[in-house]
Amino acid sequence: MGFYKPGANHTTDPKMVRLHKIIWSLIFAGLLTVILGIFVGKADDALGWVMVVAGGLMTAIGAVLIYVRSTMTSEP
């Protein structure tokens, strides 16, 4: 875990670490849901679209949180 290694040029602020974990969890889970929605859509069109839209929203929220994190300042 690079976040907790001293001298690794990463913040050890718990809020920033938690936000970083949430961001990447949203992005990867959203992309996985989009892919699964595409495959499920071949069997059930309505459920597939719901999954694709939900996954897209999760990915978009993660991308917006990346911008929010870039504007935050971490105190040393």
PDB file of N, CA and C in Angstrom:
ATOM      1  N   MET A   1       0.843  -1.175   0.000  1.00  0.00           N
ATOM      2  CA  MET A   1       0.000   0.000   0.000  1.00  0.00           C
ATOM      3  C   MET A   1       0.886   1.235   0.000  1.00  0.00           C
ATOM      4  N   GLY A   2       1.039   1.843  -1.117  1.00  0.00           N
ATOM      5  CA  GLY A   2       1.890   2.999  -1.273  1.00  0.00           C
ATOM      6  C   GLY A   2       1.449   4.206  -0.466  1.00  0.00           C
ATOM      7  N   PHE A   3       0.189   4.237  -0.063  1.00  0.00           N
ATOM      8  CA  PHE A   3      -0.288   5.398   0.665  1.00  0.00           C
ATOM      9  C   PHE A   3       0.277   5.472   2.068  1.00  0.00           C
ATOM     10  N   TYR A   4       0.658   4.363   2.621  1.00  0.00           N
ATOM     11  CA  TYR A   4       1.103   4.351   3.996  1.00  0.00           C
ATOM     12  C   TYR A   4       2.612   4.230   4.146  1.00  0.00           C
ATOM     13  N   LYS A   5       3.317   4.120   3.044  1.00  0.00           N
ATOM     14  CA  LYS A   5       4.769   4.051   3.124  1.00  0.00           C
ATOM     15  C   LYS A   5       5.331   5.445   3.351  1.00  0.00           C
ATOM     16  N   PRO A   6       6.173   5.625   4.347  1.00  0.00           N
ATOM     17  CA  PRO A   6       6.765   6.944   4.547  1.00  0.00           C
ATOM     18  C   PRO A   6       7.720   7.286   3.413  1.00  0.00           C
ATOM     19  N   GLY A   7       7.642   8.496   2.951  1.00  0.00           N
ATOM     20  CA  GLY A   7       8.549   8.955   1.923  1.00  0.00           C
ATOM     21  C   GLY A   7       8.170   8.540   0.516  1.00  0.00           C
ATOM     22  N   ALA A   8       6.967   8.038   0.320  1.00  0.00           N
ATOM     23  CA  ALA A   8       6.543   7.589  -1.004  1.00  0.00           C
ATOM     24  C   ALA A   8       5.863   8.727  -1.779  1.00  0.00           C
ATOM     25  N   ASN A   9       5.930   9.942  -1.272  1.00  0.00           N
ATOM     26  CA  ASN A   9       5.314  11.124  -1.892  1.00  0.00           C
ATOM     27  C   ASN A   9       3.813  10.991  -2.058  1.00  0.00           C
ATOM     28  N   HIS A  10       3.170  10.244  -1.159  1.00  0.00           N
ATOM     29  CA  HIS A  10       1.719  10.126  -1.148  1.00  0.00           C
ATOM     30  C   HIS A  10       1.214  10.713   0.157  1.00  0.00           C
ATOM     31  N   THR A  11       0.002  11.206   0.094  1.00  0.00           N
ATOM     32  CA  THR A  11      -0.587  11.743   1.305  1.00  0.00           C
ATOM     33  C   THR A  11      -0.988  10.609   2.243  1.00  0.00           C
ATOM     34  N   THR A  12      -0.864  10.854   3.532  1.00  0.00           N
ATOM     35  CA  THR A  12      -1.314   9.884   4.518  1.00  0.00           C
ATOM     36  C   THR A  12      -2.553  10.391   5.235  1.00  0.00           C
ATOM     37  N   ASP A  13      -3.124  11.473   4.720  1.00  0.00           N
ATOM     38  CA  ASP A  13      -4.353  12.017   5.290  1.00  0.00           C
ATOM     39  C   ASP A  13      -5.476  11.000   5.079  1.00  0.00           C
ATOM     40  N   PRO A  14      -6.107  10.540   6.154  1.00  0.00           N
ATOM     41  CA  PRO A  14      -7.136   9.505   6.015  1.00  0.00           C
ATOM     42  C   PRO A  14      -8.298   9.906   5.106  1.00  0.00           C
ATOM     43  N   LYS A  15      -8.659  11.184   5.096  1.00  0.00           N
ATOM     44  CA  LYS A  15      -9.762  11.621   4.233  1.00  0.00           C
ATOM     45  C   LYS A  15      -9.401  11.466   2.758  1.00  0.00           C
ATOM     46  N   MET A  16      -8.173  11.838   2.411  1.00  0.00           N
ATOM     47  CA  MET A  16      -7.739  11.736   1.024  1.00  0.00           C
ATOM     48  C   MET A  16      -7.599  10.276   0.612  1.00  0.00           C
ATOM     49  N   VAL A  17      -7.097   9.445   1.495  1.00  0.00           N
ATOM     50  CA  VAL A  17      -6.937   8.024   1.192  1.00  0.00           C
ATOM     51  C   VAL A  17      -8.307   7.387   0.980  1.00  0.00           C
ATOM     52  N   ARG A  18      -9.273   7.727   1.848  1.00  0.00           N
ATOM     53  CA  ARG A  18     -10.619   7.178   1.720  1.00  0.00           C
ATOM     54  C   ARG A  18     -11.265   7.641   0.411  1.00  0.00           C
ATOM     55  N   LEU A  19     -11.088   8.912   0.073  1.00  0.00           N
ATOM     56  CA  LEU A  19     -11.644   9.432  -1.170  1.00  0.00           C
ATOM     57  C   LEU A  19     -11.015   8.737  -2.372  1.00  0.00           C
ATOM     58  N   HIS A  20      -9.715   8.504  -2.320  1.00  0.00           N
ATOM     59  CA  HIS A  20      -9.024   7.819  -3.409  1.00  0.00           C
ATOM     60  C   HIS A  20      -9.582   6.407  -3.604  1.00  0.00           C
ATOM     61  N   LYS A  21      -9.817   5.700  -2.509  1.00  0.00           N
ATOM     62  CA  LYS A  21     -10.379   4.350  -2.603  1.00  0.00           C
ATOM     63  C   LYS A  21     -11.791   4.379  -3.166  1.00  0.00           C
ATOM     64  N   ILE A  22     -12.593   5.346  -2.749  1.00  0.00           N
ATOM     65  CA  ILE A  22     -13.965   5.465  -3.255  1.00  0.00           C
ATOM     66  C   ILE A  22     -13.953   5.766  -4.744  1.00  0.00           C
ATOM     67  N   ILE A  23     -13.085   6.667  -5.164  1.00  0.00           N
ATOM     68  CA  ILE A  23     -13.009   7.045  -6.576  1.00  0.00           C
ATOM     69  C   ILE A  23     -12.743   5.830  -7.444  1.00  0.00           C
ATOM     70  N   TRP A  24     -11.689   5.091  -7.134  1.00  0.00           N
ATOM     71  CA  TRP A  24     -11.311   3.977  -7.998  1.00  0.00           C
ATOM     72  C   TRP A  24     -12.280   2.814  -7.881  1.00  0.00           C
ATOM     73  N   SER A  25     -12.899   2.643  -6.727  1.00  0.00           N
ATOM     74  CA  SER A  25     -13.937   1.614  -6.605  1.00  0.00           C
ATOM     75  C   SER A  25     -15.126   1.950  -7.496  1.00  0.00           C
ATOM     76  N   LEU A  26     -15.544   3.222  -7.508  1.00  0.00           N
ATOM     77  CA  LEU A  26     -16.652   3.631  -8.372  1.00  0.00           C
ATOM     78  C   LEU A  26     -16.314   3.447  -9.842  1.00  0.00           C
ATOM     79  N   ILE A  27     -15.120   3.843 -10.226  1.00  0.00           N
ATOM     80  CA  ILE A  27     -14.741   3.756 -11.641  1.00  0.00           C
ATOM     81  C   ILE A  27     -14.688   2.298 -12.101  1.00  0.00           C
ATOM     82  N   PHE A  28     -13.995   1.450 -11.360  1.00  0.00           N
ATOM     83  CA  PHE A  28     -13.860   0.065 -11.796  1.00  0.00           C
ATOM     84  C   PHE A  28     -15.178  -0.699 -11.702  1.00  0.00           C
ATOM     85  N   ALA A  29     -15.946  -0.476 -10.632  1.00  0.00           N
ATOM     86  CA  ALA A  29     -17.246  -1.140 -10.513  1.00  0.00           C
ATOM     87  C   ALA A  29     -18.198  -0.652 -11.606  1.00  0.00           C
ATOM     88  N   GLY A  30     -18.138   0.630 -11.928  1.00  0.00           N
ATOM     89  CA  GLY A  30     -18.987   1.164 -12.987  1.00  0.00           C
ATOM     90  C   GLY A  30     -18.651   0.574 -14.341  1.00  0.00           C
ATOM     91  N   LEU A  31     -17.372   0.478 -14.654  1.00  0.00           N
ATOM     92  CA  LEU A  31     -16.978  -0.109 -15.936  1.00  0.00           C
ATOM     93  C   LEU A  31     -17.349  -1.587 -16.013  1.00  0.00           C
ATOM     94  N   LEU A  32     -17.189  -2.305 -14.910  1.00  0.00           N
ATOM     95  CA  LEU A  32     -17.582  -3.708 -14.888  1.00  0.00           C
ATOM     96  C   LEU A  32     -19.088  -3.850 -15.092  1.00  0.00           C
ATOM     97  N   THR A  33     -19.862  -2.971 -14.467  1.00  0.00           N
ATOM     98  CA  THR A  33     -21.316  -3.022 -14.614  1.00  0.00           C
ATOM     99  C   THR A  33     -21.735  -2.701 -16.042  1.00  0.00           C
ATOM    100  N   VAL A  34     -21.042  -1.770 -16.688  1.00  0.00           N
ATOM    101  CA  VAL A  34     -21.343  -1.467 -18.087  1.00  0.00           C
ATOM    102  C   VAL A  34     -21.104  -2.699 -18.956  1.00  0.00           C
ATOM    103  N   ILE A  35     -19.978  -3.354 -18.772  1.00  0.00           N
ATOM    104  CA  ILE A  35     -19.661  -4.540 -19.564  1.00  0.00           C
ATOM    105  C   ILE A  35     -20.677  -5.647 -19.314  1.00  0.00           C
ATOM    106  N   LEU A  36     -21.003  -5.885 -18.044  1.00  0.00           N
ATOM    107  CA  LEU A  36     -22.003  -6.906 -17.736  1.00  0.00           C
ATOM    108  C   LEU A  36     -23.364  -6.538 -18.311  1.00  0.00           C
ATOM    109  N   GLY A  37     -23.710  -5.253 -18.284  1.00  0.00           N
ATOM    110  CA  GLY A  37     -24.976  -4.801 -18.855  1.00  0.00           C
ATOM    111  C   GLY A  37     -25.058  -5.046 -20.346  1.00  0.00           C
ATOM    112  N   ILE A  38     -23.948  -4.894 -21.031  1.00  0.00           N
ATOM    113  CA  ILE A  38     -23.928  -5.157 -22.471  1.00  0.00           C
ATOM    114  C   ILE A  38     -24.224  -6.635 -22.734  1.00  0.00           C
ATOM    115  N   PHE A  39     -23.605  -7.509 -21.954  1.00  0.00           N
ATOM    116  CA  PHE A  39     -23.836  -8.942 -22.151  1.00  0.00           C
ATOM    117  C   PHE A  39     -25.224  -9.364 -21.696  1.00  0.00           C
ATOM    118  N   VAL A  40     -25.706  -8.805 -20.593  1.00  0.00           N
ATOM    119  CA  VAL A  40     -27.046  -9.134 -20.108  1.00  0.00           C
ATOM    120  C   VAL A  40     -28.098  -8.600 -21.086  1.00  0.00           C
ATOM    121  N   GLY A  41     -27.800  -7.501 -21.744  1.00  0.00           N
ATOM    122  CA  GLY A  41     -28.739  -6.908 -22.694  1.00  0.00           C
ATOM    123  C   GLY A  41     -29.096  -7.825 -23.840  1.00  0.00           C
ATOM    124  N   LYS A  42     -28.261  -8.794 -24.137  1.00  0.00           N
ATOM    125  CA  LYS A  42     -28.578  -9.748 -25.205  1.00  0.00           C
ATOM    126  C   LYS A  42     -29.707 -10.691 -24.795  1.00  0.00           C
ATOM    127  N   ALA A  43     -29.842 -10.941 -23.488  1.00  0.00           N
ATOM    128  CA  ALA A  43     -30.899 -11.818 -22.994  1.00  0.00           C
ATOM    129  C   ALA A  43     -32.123 -11.029 -22.534  1.00  0.00           C
ATOM    130  N   ASP A  44     -31.897  -9.925 -21.841  1.00  0.00           N
ATOM    131  CA  ASP A  44     -32.993  -9.102 -21.322  1.00  0.00           C
ATOM    132  C   ASP A  44     -32.643  -7.643 -21.588  1.00  0.00           C
ATOM    133  N   ASP A  45     -33.292  -7.067 -22.588  1.00  0.00           N
ATOM    134  CA  ASP A  45     -32.940  -5.727 -23.051  1.00  0.00           C
ATOM    135  C   ASP A  45     -33.116  -4.657 -21.969  1.00  0.00           C
ATOM    136  N   ALA A  46     -34.224  -4.712 -21.246  1.00  0.00           N
ATOM    137  CA  ALA A  46     -34.501  -3.686 -20.239  1.00  0.00           C
ATOM    138  C   ALA A  46     -33.470  -3.730 -19.109  1.00  0.00           C
ATOM    139  N   LEU A  47     -33.192  -4.914 -18.604  1.00  0.00           N
ATOM    140  CA  LEU A  47     -32.212  -5.049 -17.519  1.00  0.00           C
ATOM    141  C   LEU A  47     -30.821  -4.649 -17.988  1.00  0.00           C
ATOM    142  N   GLY A  48     -30.491  -4.988 -19.213  1.00  0.00           N
ATOM    143  CA  GLY A  48     -29.193  -4.610 -19.761  1.00  0.00           C
ATOM    144  C   GLY A  48     -29.010  -3.106 -19.802  1.00  0.00           C
ATOM    145  N   TRP A  49     -30.049  -2.384 -20.257  1.00  0.00           N
ATOM    146  CA  TRP A  49     -29.948  -0.924 -20.313  1.00  0.00           C
ATOM    147  C   TRP A  49     -29.862  -0.309 -18.924  1.00  0.00           C
ATOM    148  N   VAL A  50     -30.596  -0.874 -17.976  1.00  0.00           N
ATOM    149  CA  VAL A  50     -30.521  -0.362 -16.599  1.00  0.00           C
ATOM    150  C   VAL A  50     -29.099  -0.517 -16.068  1.00  0.00           C
ATOM    151  N   MET A  51     -28.496  -1.662 -16.326  1.00  0.00           N
ATOM    152  CA  MET A  51     -27.126  -1.895 -15.852  1.00  0.00           C
ATOM    153  C   MET A  51     -26.131  -0.979 -16.549  1.00  0.00           C
ATOM    154  N   VAL A  52     -26.298  -0.768 -17.851  1.00  0.00           N
ATOM    155  CA  VAL A  52     -25.383   0.104 -18.585  1.00  0.00           C
ATOM    156  C   VAL A  52     -25.486   1.536 -18.068  1.00  0.00           C
ATOM    157  N   VAL A  53     -26.708   2.006 -17.856  1.00  0.00           N
ATOM    158  CA  VAL A  53     -26.888   3.380 -17.369  1.00  0.00           C
ATOM    159  C   VAL A  53     -26.341   3.527 -15.949  1.00  0.00           C
ATOM    160  N   ALA A  54     -26.625   2.546 -15.081  1.00  0.00           N
ATOM    161  CA  ALA A  54     -26.122   2.606 -13.702  1.00  0.00           C
ATOM    162  C   ALA A  54     -24.594   2.583 -13.687  1.00  0.00           C
ATOM    163  N   GLY A  55     -24.002   1.725 -14.497  1.00  0.00           N
ATOM    164  CA  GLY A  55     -22.543   1.655 -14.566  1.00  0.00           C
ATOM    165  C   GLY A  55     -21.941   2.937 -15.119  1.00  0.00           C
ATOM    166  N   GLY A  56     -22.596   3.509 -16.109  1.00  0.00           N
ATOM    167  CA  GLY A  56     -22.121   4.780 -16.662  1.00  0.00           C
ATOM    168  C   GLY A  56     -22.178   5.899 -15.632  1.00  0.00           C
ATOM    169  N   LEU A  57     -23.253   5.923 -14.842  1.00  0.00           N
ATOM    170  CA  LEU A  57     -23.358   6.939 -13.785  1.00  0.00           C
ATOM    171  C   LEU A  57     -22.279   6.755 -12.721  1.00  0.00           C
ATOM    172  N   MET A  58     -22.022   5.517 -12.345  1.00  0.00           N
ATOM    173  CA  MET A  58     -20.978   5.262 -11.354  1.00  0.00           C
ATOM    174  C   MET A  58     -19.615   5.716 -11.873  1.00  0.00           C
ATOM    175  N   THR A  59     -19.340   5.425 -13.133  1.00  0.00           N
ATOM    176  CA  THR A  59     -18.066   5.829 -13.726  1.00  0.00           C
ATOM    177  C   THR A  59     -17.971   7.348 -13.817  1.00  0.00           C
ATOM    178  N   ALA A  60     -19.065   7.998 -14.191  1.00  0.00           N
ATOM    179  CA  ALA A  60     -19.069   9.461 -14.295  1.00  0.00           C
ATOM    180  C   ALA A  60     -18.871  10.109 -12.920  1.00  0.00           C
ATOM    181  N   ILE A  61     -19.514   9.566 -11.898  1.00  0.00           N
ATOM    182  CA  ILE A  61     -19.333  10.102 -10.542  1.00  0.00           C
ATOM    183  C   ILE A  61     -17.881   9.952 -10.109  1.00  0.00           C
ATOM    184  N   GLY A  62     -17.268   8.814 -10.417  1.00  0.00           N
ATOM    185  CA  GLY A  62     -15.858   8.613 -10.098  1.00  0.00           C
ATOM    186  C   GLY A  62     -14.971   9.622 -10.810  1.00  0.00           C
ATOM    187  N   ALA A  63     -15.286   9.910 -12.074  1.00  0.00           N
ATOM    188  CA  ALA A  63     -14.497  10.893 -12.827  1.00  0.00           C
ATOM    189  C   ALA A  63     -14.654  12.291 -12.244  1.00  0.00           C
ATOM    190  N   VAL A  64     -15.858  12.640 -11.830  1.00  0.00           N
ATOM    191  CA  VAL A  64     -16.078  13.952 -11.211  1.00  0.00           C
ATOM    192  C   VAL A  64     -15.322  14.037  -9.885  1.00  0.00           C
ATOM    193  N   LEU A  65     -15.307  12.945  -9.141  1.00  0.00           N
ATOM    194  CA  LEU A  65     -14.570  12.942  -7.867  1.00  0.00           C
ATOM    195  C   LEU A  65     -13.065  13.064  -8.079  1.00  0.00           C
ATOM    196  N   ILE A  66     -12.556  12.597  -9.217  1.00  0.00           N
ATOM    197  CA  ILE A  66     -11.137  12.820  -9.515  1.00  0.00           C
ATOM    198  C   ILE A  66     -10.870  14.312  -9.627  1.00  0.00           C
ATOM    199  N   TYR A  67     -11.770  15.036 -10.292  1.00  0.00           N
ATOM    200  CA  TYR A  67     -11.606  16.490 -10.403  1.00  0.00           C
ATOM    201  C   TYR A  67     -11.706  17.137  -9.021  1.00  0.00           C
ATOM    202  N   VAL A  68     -12.675  16.708  -8.228  1.00  0.00           N
ATOM    203  CA  VAL A  68     -12.834  17.278  -6.880  1.00  0.00           C
ATOM    204  C   VAL A  68     -11.569  17.044  -6.061  1.00  0.00           C
ATOM    205  N   ARG A  69     -11.017  15.847  -6.152  1.00  0.00           N
ATOM    206  CA  ARG A  69      -9.798  15.544  -5.404  1.00  0.00           C
ATOM    207  C   ARG A  69      -8.614  16.393  -5.881  1.00  0.00           C
ATOM    208  N   SER A  70      -8.572  16.687  -7.175  1.00  0.00           N
ATOM    209  CA  SER A  70      -7.460  17.488  -7.685  1.00  0.00           C
ATOM    210  C   SER A  70      -7.523  18.920  -7.195  1.00  0.00           C
ATOM    211  N   THR A  71      -8.696  19.397  -6.825  1.00  0.00           N
ATOM    212  CA  THR A  71      -8.816  20.766  -6.328  1.00  0.00           C
ATOM    213  C   THR A  71      -8.612  20.856  -4.820  1.00  0.00           C
ATOM    214  N   MET A  72      -8.617  19.710  -4.142  1.00  0.00           N
ATOM    215  CA  MET A  72      -8.424  19.708  -2.687  1.00  0.00           C
ATOM    216  C   MET A  72      -6.950  19.886  -2.359  1.00  0.00           C
ATOM    217  N   THR A  73      -6.709  20.516  -1.234  1.00  0.00           N
ATOM    218  CA  THR A  73      -5.322  20.663  -0.782  1.00  0.00           C
ATOM    219  C   THR A  73      -5.137  19.786   0.465  1.00  0.00           C
ATOM    220  N   SER A  74      -4.057  19.051   0.463  1.00  0.00           N
ATOM    221  CA  SER A  74      -3.758  18.216   1.638  1.00  0.00           C
ATOM    222  C   SER A  74      -2.754  18.970   2.496  1.00  0.00           C
ATOM    223  N   GLU A  75      -3.062  19.004   3.769  1.00  0.00           N
ATOM    224  CA  GLU A  75      -2.163  19.692   4.698  1.00  0.00           C
ATOM    225  C   GLU A  75      -1.082  18.739   5.153  1.00  0.00           C
ATOM    226  N   PRO A  76       0.161  19.187   5.158  1.00  0.00           N
ATOM    227  CA  PRO A  76       1.267  18.280   5.569  1.00  0.00           C
ATOM    228  C   PRO A  76       1.236  17.930   7.032  1.00  0.00           C
TER     229      PRO A  76
END
